[in-house]
Amino acid sequence: MAARQTEQFDKLIATRKIVKRGDPLFRSGDRFKSLYVVGTGFLKSTVASTGGREQITGYHIAGELFGWDGINSGRHMFDAVALEDTEVLVLPYGRLEAAASVMPMLLTHIHKTMSREIVRDHQLMLVLGSMRAEERLAAFLLSLSQRFKARGYAHNDFNLRLSRAEIGSFLGLQLETVSRAFSRFVRDGLIEVNQKHVRIINAAGLRQAVIGVPG
C-alpha cells in the first residue's frame, strides 16, 4: 500500500488485544463484530462434536486474518482459543466496509484472502478424506510450513503449538496414530522432533507422500 493507504488502514485497528493461553477470543454464538489479524501467537478454532468433545476445525498463525465465520449469520460458529499468549489486531467490520468503499485495494485484498482460505479448506477436506494417516500428517506439516513461508517466517524449523492430541483431532486421527506417524517420519529421516519443535529435513520426501497439498 502507499503511505496514505497504510495510514488509513492503521486507523481501522480498534485495539490490540492480548488473549492469554487457554482463553477464548470469542465463543460460538457470540455476536459478530470484527475480523482479527494474529499479531503474535497461535490460535485454534474448535466446535463441540457429538458427545460434547472438542473438534478442532482450524488454526491461525501470526499474520493471518480470520473471523469470517460470523459474517453470514451475525454470530460466530466456532470458538477461537489461544494456544499461547497471543496478540490480535481487532478490525471492526463496519469500519472495514466503510474503508473498502474508498480503498478498492483493501476490498480486493479481503476477497483474495477469503478465497484463499476457502480453497485451502476445500483442498484439505479432499486430502483428509482420501489419505492414510501418514499422508495426512505429511500434508499437515507441509501446509503449516507453506503458511509460515508465505508470511516470512522460518518454514522448515518451527514450534508446533498444537499438541499431538489436537493434531489428531484436526486430522481425524487417534493420538497413538499421530505418534506412530511422527516416529516413522523421524526414523525415515524426514523430520527431527524435540518435544513440540519440528525441523523438516527432507521436504521432498514428505511431498512424495502427498498429492495436492493445501497451501
N, C-alpha and C. Protein backbone atom coordinates (compact mmCIF):
# COMPACT_ATOMS: atom_id res chain seq x y z
N MET A 1 0.83 -1.20 0.00
CA MET A 1 0.00 0.00 0.00
C MET A 1 0.87 1.25 0.00
N ALA A 2 0.35 2.35 -0.55
CA ALA A 2 1.02 3.63 -0.47
C ALA A 2 0.95 4.12 0.97
N ALA A 3 1.81 5.09 1.29
CA ALA A 3 1.89 5.58 2.67
C ALA A 3 0.52 6.06 3.18
N ARG A 4 -0.22 6.77 2.33
CA ARG A 4 -1.53 7.29 2.74
C ARG A 4 -2.49 6.14 3.00
N GLN A 5 -2.46 5.10 2.15
CA GLN A 5 -3.35 3.96 2.34
C GLN A 5 -2.98 3.19 3.59
N THR A 6 -1.67 3.06 3.86
CA THR A 6 -1.24 2.37 5.08
C THR A 6 -1.72 3.10 6.32
N GLU A 7 -1.66 4.43 6.27
CA GLU A 7 -2.14 5.24 7.39
C GLU A 7 -3.64 5.04 7.59
N GLN A 8 -4.39 4.98 6.49
CA GLN A 8 -5.83 4.76 6.58
C GLN A 8 -6.13 3.38 7.16
N PHE A 9 -5.36 2.37 6.72
CA PHE A 9 -5.58 1.01 7.21
C PHE A 9 -5.29 0.93 8.70
N ASP A 10 -4.20 1.59 9.15
CA ASP A 10 -3.86 1.56 10.57
C ASP A 10 -4.99 2.13 11.42
N LYS A 11 -5.73 3.09 10.87
CA LYS A 11 -6.82 3.70 11.62
C LYS A 11 -8.00 2.73 11.81
N LEU A 12 -8.04 1.68 11.01
CA LEU A 12 -9.12 0.70 11.14
C LEU A 12 -8.96 -0.15 12.39
N ILE A 13 -7.74 -0.25 12.89
CA ILE A 13 -7.48 -1.11 14.04
C ILE A 13 -8.06 -0.44 15.29
N ALA A 14 -9.07 -1.08 15.87
CA ALA A 14 -9.72 -0.51 17.05
C ALA A 14 -8.83 -0.68 18.28
N THR A 15 -8.19 -1.83 18.38
CA THR A 15 -7.36 -2.11 19.55
C THR A 15 -6.47 -3.31 19.25
N ARG A 16 -5.45 -3.44 20.05
CA ARG A 16 -4.62 -4.64 20.05
C ARG A 16 -4.95 -5.39 21.34
N LYS A 17 -5.41 -6.60 21.19
CA LYS A 17 -5.92 -7.35 22.33
C LYS A 17 -5.02 -8.53 22.65
N ILE A 18 -4.71 -8.70 23.92
CA ILE A 18 -3.93 -9.85 24.38
C ILE A 18 -4.88 -10.94 24.87
N VAL A 19 -4.72 -12.13 24.33
CA VAL A 19 -5.52 -13.29 24.76
C VAL A 19 -4.58 -14.27 25.44
N LYS A 20 -4.80 -14.55 26.70
CA LYS A 20 -3.94 -15.45 27.44
C LYS A 20 -4.13 -16.89 26.98
N ARG A 21 -3.08 -17.67 27.12
CA ARG A 21 -3.12 -19.08 26.73
C ARG A 21 -4.32 -19.79 27.36
N GLY A 22 -5.09 -20.47 26.53
CA GLY A 22 -6.25 -21.21 27.00
C GLY A 22 -7.54 -20.41 27.05
N ASP A 23 -7.43 -19.10 26.88
CA ASP A 23 -8.62 -18.24 26.91
C ASP A 23 -9.21 -18.08 25.52
N PRO A 24 -10.52 -17.85 25.43
CA PRO A 24 -11.15 -17.65 24.12
C PRO A 24 -11.07 -16.19 23.68
N LEU A 25 -10.87 -15.99 22.40
CA LEU A 25 -11.03 -14.66 21.81
C LEU A 25 -12.52 -14.41 21.60
N PHE A 26 -13.22 -15.43 21.12
CA PHE A 26 -14.67 -15.41 21.05
C PHE A 26 -15.19 -16.83 21.12
N ARG A 27 -16.48 -16.96 21.44
CA ARG A 27 -17.12 -18.27 21.57
C ARG A 27 -18.19 -18.42 20.50
N SER A 28 -18.51 -19.66 20.20
CA SER A 28 -19.61 -19.95 19.29
C SER A 28 -20.89 -19.32 19.84
N GLY A 29 -21.60 -18.59 18.98
CA GLY A 29 -22.81 -17.91 19.40
C GLY A 29 -22.61 -16.45 19.74
N ASP A 30 -21.35 -16.04 19.95
CA ASP A 30 -21.08 -14.63 20.22
C ASP A 30 -21.44 -13.79 18.99
N ARG A 31 -21.89 -12.56 19.23
CA ARG A 31 -22.25 -11.68 18.13
C ARG A 31 -21.01 -11.28 17.34
N PHE A 32 -21.12 -11.37 16.02
CA PHE A 32 -20.02 -10.99 15.14
C PHE A 32 -19.90 -9.48 15.07
N LYS A 33 -18.70 -8.99 15.37
CA LYS A 33 -18.45 -7.55 15.32
C LYS A 33 -17.22 -7.20 14.49
N SER A 34 -16.22 -8.08 14.52
CA SER A 34 -14.91 -7.73 13.96
C SER A 34 -14.27 -8.91 13.27
N LEU A 35 -13.32 -8.59 12.39
CA LEU A 35 -12.35 -9.56 11.91
C LEU A 35 -11.07 -9.36 12.73
N TYR A 36 -10.19 -10.35 12.69
CA TYR A 36 -8.99 -10.29 13.53
C TYR A 36 -7.76 -10.68 12.73
N VAL A 37 -6.66 -10.03 13.04
CA VAL A 37 -5.36 -10.41 12.49
C VAL A 37 -4.50 -10.88 13.65
N VAL A 38 -3.88 -12.05 13.50
CA VAL A 38 -2.98 -12.54 14.54
C VAL A 38 -1.69 -11.72 14.46
N GLY A 39 -1.38 -10.99 15.53
CA GLY A 39 -0.13 -10.24 15.56
C GLY A 39 1.03 -11.14 15.94
N THR A 40 0.93 -11.73 17.11
CA THR A 40 1.89 -12.75 17.56
C THR A 40 1.09 -13.85 18.24
N GLY A 41 1.60 -15.07 18.15
CA GLY A 41 0.94 -16.17 18.81
C GLY A 41 0.25 -17.13 17.86
N PHE A 42 -0.69 -17.90 18.41
CA PHE A 42 -1.27 -19.02 17.68
C PHE A 42 -2.63 -19.32 18.31
N LEU A 43 -3.67 -19.45 17.47
CA LEU A 43 -5.00 -19.80 17.97
C LEU A 43 -5.53 -21.02 17.24
N LYS A 44 -6.50 -21.69 17.88
CA LYS A 44 -7.19 -22.79 17.23
C LYS A 44 -8.67 -22.48 17.18
N SER A 45 -9.34 -23.02 16.16
CA SER A 45 -10.80 -22.93 16.05
C SER A 45 -11.38 -24.28 16.42
N THR A 46 -12.41 -24.28 17.26
CA THR A 46 -12.99 -25.54 17.71
C THR A 46 -14.51 -25.46 17.71
N VAL A 47 -15.12 -26.63 17.58
CA VAL A 47 -16.57 -26.78 17.76
C VAL A 47 -16.79 -27.97 18.67
N ALA A 48 -17.95 -28.04 19.28
CA ALA A 48 -18.30 -29.18 20.12
C ALA A 48 -18.91 -30.26 19.23
N SER A 49 -18.28 -31.42 19.19
CA SER A 49 -18.80 -32.52 18.39
C SER A 49 -19.82 -33.31 19.19
N THR A 50 -20.38 -34.34 18.58
CA THR A 50 -21.34 -35.20 19.26
C THR A 50 -20.73 -35.75 20.54
N GLY A 51 -21.44 -35.62 21.63
CA GLY A 51 -20.92 -36.09 22.91
C GLY A 51 -20.19 -35.00 23.67
N GLY A 52 -20.13 -33.80 23.07
CA GLY A 52 -19.51 -32.69 23.78
C GLY A 52 -18.00 -32.61 23.66
N ARG A 53 -17.40 -33.49 22.86
CA ARG A 53 -15.95 -33.44 22.70
C ARG A 53 -15.54 -32.28 21.80
N GLU A 54 -14.34 -31.78 22.03
CA GLU A 54 -13.82 -30.68 21.23
C GLU A 54 -13.29 -31.20 19.90
N GLN A 55 -13.74 -30.58 18.82
CA GLN A 55 -13.26 -30.91 17.49
C GLN A 55 -12.55 -29.68 16.92
N ILE A 56 -11.26 -29.83 16.60
CA ILE A 56 -10.51 -28.71 16.05
C ILE A 56 -10.78 -28.61 14.56
N THR A 57 -11.18 -27.43 14.12
CA THR A 57 -11.53 -27.21 12.72
C THR A 57 -10.52 -26.35 11.98
N GLY A 58 -9.60 -25.72 12.71
CA GLY A 58 -8.61 -24.89 12.04
C GLY A 58 -7.64 -24.30 13.04
N TYR A 59 -6.62 -23.63 12.52
CA TYR A 59 -5.63 -22.98 13.36
C TYR A 59 -5.16 -21.72 12.64
N HIS A 60 -4.69 -20.74 13.42
CA HIS A 60 -4.39 -19.43 12.87
C HIS A 60 -3.03 -18.97 13.39
N ILE A 61 -2.12 -18.64 12.47
CA ILE A 61 -0.77 -18.25 12.83
C ILE A 61 -0.59 -16.75 12.65
N ALA A 62 0.55 -16.23 13.12
CA ALA A 62 0.83 -14.80 13.03
C ALA A 62 0.75 -14.32 11.59
N GLY A 63 0.05 -13.19 11.41
CA GLY A 63 -0.10 -12.59 10.09
C GLY A 63 -1.39 -12.96 9.38
N GLU A 64 -2.15 -13.91 9.93
CA GLU A 64 -3.37 -14.36 9.25
C GLU A 64 -4.60 -13.61 9.74
N LEU A 65 -5.51 -13.39 8.80
CA LEU A 65 -6.79 -12.72 9.06
C LEU A 65 -7.86 -13.79 9.21
N PHE A 66 -8.69 -13.68 10.26
CA PHE A 66 -9.72 -14.70 10.46
C PHE A 66 -10.92 -14.10 11.17
N GLY A 67 -11.97 -14.92 11.32
CA GLY A 67 -13.21 -14.49 11.94
C GLY A 67 -14.35 -14.39 10.95
N TRP A 68 -14.11 -14.88 9.70
CA TRP A 68 -15.12 -14.79 8.64
C TRP A 68 -16.42 -15.51 8.98
N ASP A 69 -16.35 -16.51 9.86
CA ASP A 69 -17.50 -17.39 10.09
C ASP A 69 -18.75 -16.64 10.53
N GLY A 70 -18.55 -15.44 11.12
CA GLY A 70 -19.72 -14.73 11.64
C GLY A 70 -20.37 -13.77 10.67
N ILE A 71 -19.80 -13.59 9.47
CA ILE A 71 -20.33 -12.58 8.55
C ILE A 71 -21.75 -12.91 8.10
N ASN A 72 -22.02 -14.15 7.77
CA ASN A 72 -23.32 -14.51 7.19
C ASN A 72 -24.46 -14.40 8.20
N SER A 73 -24.30 -15.03 9.35
CA SER A 73 -25.41 -15.08 10.33
C SER A 73 -25.35 -13.98 11.37
N GLY A 74 -24.20 -13.30 11.47
CA GLY A 74 -24.05 -12.31 12.52
C GLY A 74 -23.64 -12.90 13.85
N ARG A 75 -23.39 -14.22 13.86
CA ARG A 75 -22.93 -14.92 15.05
C ARG A 75 -21.75 -15.82 14.68
N HIS A 76 -20.79 -15.92 15.59
CA HIS A 76 -19.67 -16.81 15.33
C HIS A 76 -20.13 -18.27 15.44
N MET A 77 -19.55 -19.11 14.59
CA MET A 77 -19.96 -20.51 14.52
C MET A 77 -19.01 -21.44 15.26
N PHE A 78 -17.85 -20.91 15.72
CA PHE A 78 -16.91 -21.75 16.44
C PHE A 78 -16.24 -20.94 17.54
N ASP A 79 -15.48 -21.62 18.40
CA ASP A 79 -14.68 -20.96 19.42
C ASP A 79 -13.29 -20.68 18.84
N ALA A 80 -12.71 -19.55 19.18
CA ALA A 80 -11.32 -19.24 18.83
C ALA A 80 -10.56 -19.13 20.14
N VAL A 81 -9.61 -20.06 20.37
CA VAL A 81 -8.92 -20.18 21.65
C VAL A 81 -7.42 -20.04 21.45
N ALA A 82 -6.76 -19.27 22.31
CA ALA A 82 -5.31 -19.05 22.20
C ALA A 82 -4.56 -20.29 22.69
N LEU A 83 -3.59 -20.74 21.88
CA LEU A 83 -2.73 -21.85 22.26
C LEU A 83 -1.50 -21.38 23.03
N GLU A 84 -1.26 -20.09 23.01
CA GLU A 84 -0.22 -19.45 23.79
C GLU A 84 -0.65 -17.99 23.95
N ASP A 85 0.03 -17.25 24.80
CA ASP A 85 -0.31 -15.84 24.92
C ASP A 85 -0.23 -15.20 23.53
N THR A 86 -1.32 -14.60 23.08
CA THR A 86 -1.46 -14.16 21.70
C THR A 86 -1.96 -12.73 21.63
N GLU A 87 -1.38 -11.96 20.71
CA GLU A 87 -1.86 -10.61 20.45
C GLU A 87 -2.62 -10.61 19.13
N VAL A 88 -3.82 -10.05 19.14
CA VAL A 88 -4.60 -9.93 17.91
C VAL A 88 -4.94 -8.47 17.66
N LEU A 89 -5.01 -8.11 16.40
CA LEU A 89 -5.46 -6.78 16.00
C LEU A 89 -6.95 -6.87 15.68
N VAL A 90 -7.74 -6.04 16.29
CA VAL A 90 -9.19 -6.07 16.14
C VAL A 90 -9.59 -5.08 15.04
N LEU A 91 -10.26 -5.59 14.00
CA LEU A 91 -10.70 -4.76 12.87
C LEU A 91 -12.22 -4.76 12.82
N PRO A 92 -12.87 -3.77 13.37
CA PRO A 92 -14.34 -3.72 13.34
C PRO A 92 -14.85 -3.82 11.91
N TYR A 93 -15.81 -4.70 11.70
CA TYR A 93 -16.25 -4.99 10.33
C TYR A 93 -16.93 -3.78 9.68
N GLY A 94 -17.64 -3.00 10.48
CA GLY A 94 -18.27 -1.80 9.93
C GLY A 94 -17.25 -0.82 9.38
N ARG A 95 -16.14 -0.67 10.09
CA ARG A 95 -15.08 0.21 9.61
C ARG A 95 -14.46 -0.32 8.32
N LEU A 96 -14.29 -1.66 8.25
CA LEU A 96 -13.72 -2.26 7.05
C LEU A 96 -14.62 -2.01 5.84
N GLU A 97 -15.93 -2.18 6.03
CA GLU A 97 -16.86 -1.95 4.92
C GLU A 97 -16.81 -0.51 4.45
N ALA A 98 -16.77 0.44 5.39
CA ALA A 98 -16.72 1.85 5.03
C ALA A 98 -15.41 2.18 4.32
N ALA A 99 -14.30 1.63 4.82
CA ALA A 99 -13.00 1.90 4.22
C ALA A 99 -12.88 1.30 2.84
N ALA A 100 -13.48 0.12 2.66
CA ALA A 100 -13.40 -0.57 1.36
C ALA A 100 -14.07 0.24 0.26
N SER A 101 -15.05 1.07 0.62
CA SER A 101 -15.75 1.85 -0.40
C SER A 101 -14.86 2.93 -0.99
N VAL A 102 -13.81 3.33 -0.26
CA VAL A 102 -12.89 4.36 -0.76
C VAL A 102 -11.49 3.82 -0.98
N MET A 103 -11.28 2.57 -0.61
CA MET A 103 -9.97 1.92 -0.82
C MET A 103 -10.20 0.60 -1.55
N PRO A 104 -10.37 0.62 -2.86
CA PRO A 104 -10.63 -0.61 -3.62
C PRO A 104 -9.59 -1.69 -3.37
N MET A 105 -8.34 -1.28 -3.16
CA MET A 105 -7.28 -2.25 -2.92
C MET A 105 -7.57 -3.08 -1.67
N LEU A 106 -8.15 -2.46 -0.64
CA LEU A 106 -8.48 -3.16 0.59
C LEU A 106 -9.55 -4.22 0.33
N LEU A 107 -10.59 -3.86 -0.40
CA LEU A 107 -11.64 -4.81 -0.72
C LEU A 107 -11.09 -5.98 -1.53
N THR A 108 -10.23 -5.69 -2.49
CA THR A 108 -9.61 -6.74 -3.30
C THR A 108 -8.80 -7.69 -2.43
N HIS A 109 -8.04 -7.13 -1.50
CA HIS A 109 -7.22 -7.96 -0.60
C HIS A 109 -8.10 -8.86 0.26
N ILE A 110 -9.19 -8.30 0.79
CA ILE A 110 -10.09 -9.10 1.64
C ILE A 110 -10.69 -10.25 0.85
N HIS A 111 -11.13 -9.96 -0.38
CA HIS A 111 -11.72 -11.01 -1.22
C HIS A 111 -10.69 -12.09 -1.55
N LYS A 112 -9.47 -11.68 -1.85
CA LYS A 112 -8.42 -12.67 -2.16
C LYS A 112 -8.10 -13.53 -0.95
N THR A 113 -8.08 -12.89 0.22
CA THR A 113 -7.80 -13.65 1.44
C THR A 113 -8.90 -14.66 1.72
N MET A 114 -10.15 -14.24 1.59
CA MET A 114 -11.27 -15.15 1.80
C MET A 114 -11.23 -16.30 0.80
N SER A 115 -10.95 -15.98 -0.45
CA SER A 115 -10.88 -17.01 -1.49
C SER A 115 -9.78 -18.02 -1.19
N ARG A 116 -8.63 -17.52 -0.76
CA ARG A 116 -7.52 -18.41 -0.45
C ARG A 116 -7.87 -19.35 0.70
N GLU A 117 -8.56 -18.82 1.72
CA GLU A 117 -8.96 -19.66 2.84
C GLU A 117 -9.95 -20.74 2.41
N ILE A 118 -10.91 -20.36 1.56
CA ILE A 118 -11.91 -21.33 1.09
C ILE A 118 -11.25 -22.43 0.28
N VAL A 119 -10.36 -22.04 -0.62
CA VAL A 119 -9.66 -23.03 -1.45
C VAL A 119 -8.82 -23.97 -0.59
N ARG A 120 -8.11 -23.40 0.38
CA ARG A 120 -7.27 -24.23 1.25
C ARG A 120 -8.10 -25.21 2.05
N ASP A 121 -9.23 -24.74 2.61
CA ASP A 121 -10.09 -25.63 3.38
C ASP A 121 -10.66 -26.73 2.49
N HIS A 122 -11.04 -26.39 1.25
CA HIS A 122 -11.57 -27.38 0.33
C HIS A 122 -10.52 -28.42 -0.01
N GLN A 123 -9.30 -27.99 -0.29
CA GLN A 123 -8.23 -28.92 -0.61
C GLN A 123 -7.93 -29.83 0.57
N LEU A 124 -7.95 -29.25 1.77
CA LEU A 124 -7.65 -30.05 2.94
C LEU A 124 -8.72 -31.10 3.18
N MET A 125 -9.98 -30.79 2.95
CA MET A 125 -11.05 -31.78 3.10
C MET A 125 -10.84 -32.94 2.13
N LEU A 126 -10.43 -32.63 0.91
CA LEU A 126 -10.16 -33.68 -0.06
C LEU A 126 -9.01 -34.56 0.40
N VAL A 127 -7.97 -33.91 0.94
CA VAL A 127 -6.80 -34.65 1.42
C VAL A 127 -7.18 -35.58 2.57
N LEU A 128 -7.90 -35.05 3.54
CA LEU A 128 -8.24 -35.84 4.73
C LEU A 128 -9.21 -36.97 4.39
N GLY A 129 -9.99 -36.78 3.36
CA GLY A 129 -10.96 -37.81 3.01
C GLY A 129 -10.39 -38.95 2.21
N SER A 130 -9.18 -38.80 1.70
CA SER A 130 -8.66 -39.81 0.78
C SER A 130 -7.30 -40.36 1.16
N MET A 131 -6.73 -39.91 2.27
CA MET A 131 -5.36 -40.28 2.59
C MET A 131 -5.25 -41.13 3.85
N ARG A 132 -4.17 -41.90 3.87
CA ARG A 132 -3.83 -42.68 5.06
C ARG A 132 -3.25 -41.75 6.12
N ALA A 133 -3.06 -42.28 7.33
CA ALA A 133 -2.63 -41.47 8.47
C ALA A 133 -1.33 -40.73 8.20
N GLU A 134 -0.31 -41.43 7.69
CA GLU A 134 0.98 -40.78 7.48
C GLU A 134 0.89 -39.71 6.40
N GLU A 135 0.06 -39.93 5.41
CA GLU A 135 -0.13 -38.94 4.35
C GLU A 135 -0.82 -37.70 4.91
N ARG A 136 -1.76 -37.89 5.80
CA ARG A 136 -2.45 -36.76 6.41
C ARG A 136 -1.48 -35.90 7.22
N LEU A 137 -0.63 -36.55 8.01
CA LEU A 137 0.32 -35.80 8.81
C LEU A 137 1.33 -35.07 7.93
N ALA A 138 1.78 -35.72 6.86
CA ALA A 138 2.71 -35.06 5.93
C ALA A 138 2.06 -33.83 5.32
N ALA A 139 0.80 -33.95 4.92
CA ALA A 139 0.08 -32.81 4.33
C ALA A 139 -0.05 -31.69 5.34
N PHE A 140 -0.33 -32.02 6.59
CA PHE A 140 -0.46 -31.03 7.64
C PHE A 140 0.85 -30.27 7.85
N LEU A 141 1.96 -30.98 7.95
CA LEU A 141 3.26 -30.35 8.18
C LEU A 141 3.67 -29.47 7.00
N LEU A 142 3.42 -29.93 5.78
CA LEU A 142 3.76 -29.15 4.60
C LEU A 142 2.88 -27.91 4.48
N SER A 143 1.61 -28.05 4.81
CA SER A 143 0.70 -26.91 4.77
C SER A 143 1.13 -25.84 5.77
N LEU A 144 1.46 -26.28 6.99
CA LEU A 144 1.90 -25.34 8.01
C LEU A 144 3.21 -24.67 7.59
N SER A 145 4.12 -25.44 7.02
CA SER A 145 5.39 -24.90 6.53
C SER A 145 5.16 -23.83 5.46
N GLN A 146 4.25 -24.10 4.54
CA GLN A 146 3.96 -23.14 3.47
C GLN A 146 3.33 -21.87 4.01
N ARG A 147 2.49 -22.00 5.04
CA ARG A 147 1.85 -20.82 5.62
C ARG A 147 2.89 -19.95 6.34
N PHE A 148 3.83 -20.58 7.04
CA PHE A 148 4.91 -19.82 7.67
C PHE A 148 5.75 -19.11 6.61
N LYS A 149 6.07 -19.81 5.55
CA LYS A 149 6.90 -19.24 4.49
C LYS A 149 6.21 -18.03 3.84
N ALA A 150 4.90 -18.14 3.60
CA ALA A 150 4.15 -17.06 2.96
C ALA A 150 4.15 -15.79 3.79
N ARG A 151 4.38 -15.93 5.09
CA ARG A 151 4.36 -14.76 5.98
C ARG A 151 5.75 -14.37 6.46
N GLY A 152 6.78 -14.93 5.82
CA GLY A 152 8.15 -14.51 6.09
C GLY A 152 8.80 -15.14 7.30
N TYR A 153 8.23 -16.25 7.81
CA TYR A 153 8.81 -16.92 8.97
C TYR A 153 9.61 -18.16 8.53
N ALA A 154 10.44 -18.65 9.45
CA ALA A 154 11.17 -19.89 9.17
C ALA A 154 10.16 -21.00 8.90
N HIS A 155 10.28 -21.64 7.75
CA HIS A 155 9.24 -22.60 7.35
C HIS A 155 9.67 -24.06 7.49
N ASN A 156 10.94 -24.31 7.71
CA ASN A 156 11.39 -25.70 7.89
C ASN A 156 11.88 -25.95 9.30
N ASP A 157 11.67 -24.98 10.18
CA ASP A 157 12.15 -25.09 11.56
C ASP A 157 11.20 -24.27 12.43
N PHE A 158 10.27 -24.94 13.11
CA PHE A 158 9.24 -24.20 13.84
C PHE A 158 8.72 -25.00 15.02
N ASN A 159 7.98 -24.31 15.89
CA ASN A 159 7.33 -24.95 17.03
C ASN A 159 5.89 -25.28 16.68
N LEU A 160 5.49 -26.49 17.00
CA LEU A 160 4.09 -26.89 16.83
C LEU A 160 3.33 -26.50 18.09
N ARG A 161 2.44 -25.55 17.98
CA ARG A 161 1.68 -25.13 19.15
C ARG A 161 0.56 -26.10 19.47
N LEU A 162 0.11 -26.85 18.48
CA LEU A 162 -0.90 -27.88 18.71
C LEU A 162 -0.24 -29.11 19.33
N SER A 163 -0.88 -29.69 20.33
CA SER A 163 -0.40 -30.95 20.88
C SER A 163 -0.69 -32.07 19.89
N ARG A 164 -0.12 -33.22 20.11
CA ARG A 164 -0.38 -34.35 19.20
C ARG A 164 -1.84 -34.77 19.26
N ALA A 165 -2.45 -34.65 20.43
CA ALA A 165 -3.88 -34.96 20.54
C ALA A 165 -4.70 -33.97 19.72
N GLU A 166 -4.30 -32.69 19.74
CA GLU A 166 -5.01 -31.67 18.97
C GLU A 166 -4.79 -31.86 17.47
N ILE A 167 -3.58 -32.25 17.09
CA ILE A 167 -3.32 -32.57 15.68
C ILE A 167 -4.21 -33.72 15.25
N GLY A 168 -4.33 -34.71 16.10
CA GLY A 168 -5.19 -35.85 15.80
C GLY A 168 -6.64 -35.43 15.63
N SER A 169 -7.10 -34.52 16.49
CA SER A 169 -8.47 -34.02 16.36
C SER A 169 -8.66 -33.32 15.03
N PHE A 170 -7.69 -32.51 14.65
CA PHE A 170 -7.79 -31.77 13.39
C PHE A 170 -7.74 -32.70 12.18
N LEU A 171 -6.91 -33.74 12.24
CA LEU A 171 -6.72 -34.64 11.10
C LEU A 171 -7.66 -35.85 11.12
N GLY A 172 -8.44 -35.99 12.17
CA GLY A 172 -9.33 -37.14 12.26
C GLY A 172 -8.60 -38.42 12.58
N LEU A 173 -7.57 -38.33 13.44
CA LEU A 173 -6.75 -39.49 13.78
C LEU A 173 -6.67 -39.65 15.30
N GLN A 174 -6.42 -40.88 15.75
CA GLN A 174 -6.20 -41.14 17.16
C GLN A 174 -4.82 -40.66 17.57
N LEU A 175 -4.66 -40.31 18.84
CA LEU A 175 -3.38 -39.84 19.36
C LEU A 175 -2.26 -40.84 19.05
N GLU A 176 -2.52 -42.12 19.28
CA GLU A 176 -1.48 -43.13 19.06
C GLU A 176 -1.06 -43.18 17.59
N THR A 177 -2.02 -42.98 16.71
CA THR A 177 -1.72 -43.00 15.27
C THR A 177 -0.84 -41.83 14.88
N VAL A 178 -1.12 -40.66 15.44
CA VAL A 178 -0.30 -39.48 15.18
C VAL A 178 1.12 -39.71 15.69
N SER A 179 1.26 -40.26 16.88
CA SER A 179 2.57 -40.51 17.46
C SER A 179 3.37 -41.50 16.61
N ARG A 180 2.71 -42.54 16.11
CA ARG A 180 3.40 -43.51 15.26
C ARG A 180 3.86 -42.87 13.95
N ALA A 181 3.02 -42.00 13.39
CA ALA A 181 3.39 -41.34 12.13
C ALA A 181 4.58 -40.42 12.34
N PHE A 182 4.59 -39.68 13.44
CA PHE A 182 5.76 -38.83 13.75
C PHE A 182 7.01 -39.70 13.87
N SER A 183 6.89 -40.81 14.59
CA SER A 183 8.04 -41.69 14.78
C SER A 183 8.55 -42.24 13.45
N ARG A 184 7.63 -42.57 12.56
CA ARG A 184 8.02 -43.07 11.24
C ARG A 184 8.78 -42.01 10.45
N PHE A 185 8.31 -40.78 10.49
CA PHE A 185 8.98 -39.70 9.75
C PHE A 185 10.39 -39.44 10.32
N VAL A 186 10.52 -39.52 11.65
CA VAL A 186 11.84 -39.34 12.27
C VAL A 186 12.76 -40.49 11.85
N ARG A 187 12.25 -41.70 11.90
CA ARG A 187 13.05 -42.89 11.54
C ARG A 187 13.48 -42.84 10.08
N ASP A 188 12.63 -42.30 9.21
CA ASP A 188 12.95 -42.22 7.79
C ASP A 188 13.81 -41.00 7.44
N GLY A 189 14.13 -40.19 8.45
CA GLY A 189 14.98 -39.04 8.20
C GLY A 189 14.29 -37.88 7.51
N LEU A 190 12.97 -37.80 7.63
CA LEU A 190 12.23 -36.71 7.00
C LEU A 190 12.15 -35.49 7.91
N ILE A 191 12.07 -35.73 9.21
CA ILE A 191 11.97 -34.63 10.18
C ILE A 191 12.78 -34.97 11.42
N GLU A 192 13.06 -33.93 12.21
CA GLU A 192 13.58 -34.09 13.55
C GLU A 192 12.56 -33.48 14.51
N VAL A 193 12.36 -34.12 15.65
CA VAL A 193 11.37 -33.65 16.61
C VAL A 193 11.99 -33.59 17.99
N ASN A 194 11.82 -32.45 18.65
CA ASN A 194 12.24 -32.30 20.05
C ASN A 194 11.07 -31.67 20.78
N GLN A 195 10.28 -32.51 21.44
CA GLN A 195 9.02 -32.11 22.06
C GLN A 195 8.12 -31.48 20.99
N LYS A 196 7.84 -30.16 21.07
CA LYS A 196 6.96 -29.56 20.07
C LYS A 196 7.73 -28.88 18.94
N HIS A 197 9.06 -28.93 19.03
CA HIS A 197 9.87 -28.31 17.98
C HIS A 197 10.08 -29.30 16.84
N VAL A 198 9.82 -28.84 15.62
CA VAL A 198 9.93 -29.69 14.44
C VAL A 198 10.87 -29.04 13.43
N ARG A 199 11.78 -29.84 12.89
CA ARG A 199 12.63 -29.38 11.79
C ARG A 199 12.42 -30.33 10.62
N ILE A 200 12.00 -29.78 9.50
CA ILE A 200 11.81 -30.58 8.30
C ILE A 200 13.16 -30.73 7.60
N ILE A 201 13.63 -31.95 7.52
CA ILE A 201 14.93 -32.23 6.91
C ILE A 201 14.79 -32.54 5.43
N ASN A 202 13.74 -33.26 5.09
CA ASN A 202 13.55 -33.71 3.71
C ASN A 202 12.12 -33.38 3.27
N ALA A 203 11.91 -32.12 2.83
CA ALA A 203 10.58 -31.71 2.40
C ALA A 203 10.13 -32.49 1.18
N ALA A 204 11.06 -32.81 0.28
CA ALA A 204 10.71 -33.58 -0.92
C ALA A 204 10.18 -34.95 -0.54
N GLY A 205 10.76 -35.54 0.50
CA GLY A 205 10.28 -36.85 0.95
C GLY A 205 8.88 -36.78 1.50
N LEU A 206 8.56 -35.68 2.21
CA LEU A 206 7.18 -35.50 2.69
C LEU A 206 6.22 -35.32 1.52
N ARG A 207 6.66 -34.56 0.53
CA ARG A 207 5.78 -34.30 -0.62
C ARG A 207 5.48 -35.56 -1.41
N GLN A 208 6.40 -36.50 -1.41
CA GLN A 208 6.18 -37.74 -2.16
C GLN A 208 4.98 -38.50 -1.64
N ALA A 209 4.64 -38.24 -0.37
CA ALA A 209 3.51 -38.95 0.23
C ALA A 209 2.19 -38.24 0.00
N VAL A 210 2.25 -37.06 -0.60
CA VAL A 210 1.06 -36.21 -0.67
C VAL A 210 0.78 -35.77 -2.09
N ILE A 211 -0.49 -35.79 -2.47
CA ILE A 211 -0.93 -35.23 -3.74
C ILE A 211 -1.86 -34.07 -3.43
N GLY A 212 -1.59 -32.90 -4.03
CA GLY A 212 -2.47 -31.74 -3.83
C GLY A 212 -2.41 -31.19 -2.43
N VAL A 213 -1.19 -30.93 -1.93
CA VAL A 213 -1.05 -30.35 -0.59
C VAL A 213 -1.63 -28.95 -0.57
N PRO A 214 -2.51 -28.62 0.42
CA PRO A 214 -3.05 -27.26 0.50
C PRO A 214 -1.98 -26.28 0.87
N GLY A 215 -2.02 -25.06 0.27
CA GLY A 215 -1.00 -24.06 0.57
C GLY A 215 -1.52 -22.99 1.50
